Amino acid sequence: MNKNLFKIMAILGYIIIVLLAFTIPKDPYIIIPSYSYMSFDKPLWLCIIIVGWFFYSIFLSEFYDFLND
């Protein structure tokens, strides 16, 4: 039961992060310049999604481990 609940929470959280990445900034299509030649210039919405998914995944996995101990 808990595993399925956390899968649903993960999917809903990812959808909310994607929606907020386009609605919170005034202009989500601003280009963030790269600081090295190895990467590429990224739009703001992509940076928000990547960082949001990373921290949300860490939070969700730590919370799941906390409840299962």
Protein backbone atom coordinates (compact mmCIF):
# COMPACT_ATOMS: atom_id res chain seq x y z
CA MET A 1 0.00 0.00 0.00
CA ASN A 2 2.73 2.48 0.94
CA LYS A 3 4.76 1.72 -2.17
CA ASN A 4 1.81 2.39 -4.49
CA LEU A 5 0.93 5.54 -2.56
CA PHE A 6 4.47 6.88 -2.98
CA LYS A 7 4.47 6.07 -6.68
CA ILE A 8 1.28 8.09 -7.07
CA MET A 9 2.78 10.91 -4.99
CA ALA A 10 5.88 10.87 -7.21
CA ILE A 11 3.88 11.11 -10.43
CA LEU A 12 1.63 13.86 -9.09
CA GLY A 13 4.63 15.76 -7.71
CA TYR A 14 6.42 15.62 -11.05
CA ILE A 15 3.33 16.89 -12.85
CA ILE A 16 3.00 19.77 -10.38
CA ILE A 17 6.69 20.67 -10.79
CA VAL A 18 6.31 20.78 -14.58
CA LEU A 19 3.21 22.96 -14.34
CA LEU A 20 4.84 25.33 -11.87
CA ALA A 21 7.98 25.59 -14.01
CA PHE A 22 5.90 27.30 -16.69
CA THR A 23 3.56 29.35 -14.49
CA ILE A 24 5.76 30.82 -11.72
CA PRO A 25 8.41 32.74 -13.75
CA LYS A 26 7.35 35.76 -15.77
CA ASP A 27 9.22 34.49 -18.83
CA PRO A 28 10.09 30.78 -18.58
CA TYR A 29 11.85 30.87 -21.95
CA ILE A 30 14.78 32.98 -20.73
CA ILE A 31 18.02 31.29 -21.70
CA ILE A 32 20.44 30.47 -18.86
CA PRO A 33 23.97 30.64 -20.30
CA SER A 34 26.36 27.78 -19.75
CA TYR A 35 29.57 28.37 -17.83
CA SER A 36 31.62 25.74 -19.64
CA TYR A 37 32.07 24.56 -23.18
CA MET A 38 30.96 21.05 -22.24
CA SER A 39 27.33 21.99 -21.60
CA PHE A 40 24.75 23.97 -23.53
CA ASP A 41 22.54 26.99 -22.90
CA LYS A 42 19.31 25.95 -21.21
CA PRO A 43 15.91 27.61 -20.88
CA LEU A 44 14.76 28.55 -17.39
CA TRP A 45 11.87 26.07 -17.40
CA LEU A 46 14.26 23.16 -18.01
CA CYS A 47 16.50 24.21 -15.11
CA ILE A 48 13.51 24.46 -12.77
CA ILE A 49 12.25 21.02 -13.80
CA ILE A 50 15.63 19.32 -13.37
CA VAL A 51 16.36 20.90 -9.99
CA GLY A 52 12.78 20.40 -8.79
CA TRP A 53 12.72 16.71 -9.76
CA PHE A 54 16.10 16.16 -8.10
CA PHE A 55 15.14 17.65 -4.75
CA TYR A 56 11.61 16.21 -4.80
CA SER A 57 12.97 12.72 -5.50
CA ILE A 58 15.46 13.00 -2.65
CA PHE A 59 12.77 14.26 -0.26
CA LEU A 60 10.32 11.54 -1.28
CA SER A 61 12.85 8.71 -0.95
CA GLU A 62 14.06 9.93 2.45
CA PHE A 63 10.47 10.27 3.68
CA TYR A 64 9.68 6.75 2.43
CA ASP A 65 12.74 5.34 4.22
CA PHE A 66 11.79 7.23 7.38
CA LEU A 67 8.29 5.72 7.41
CA ASN A 68 9.52 2.18 6.71
CA ASP A 69 12.04 2.10 9.56
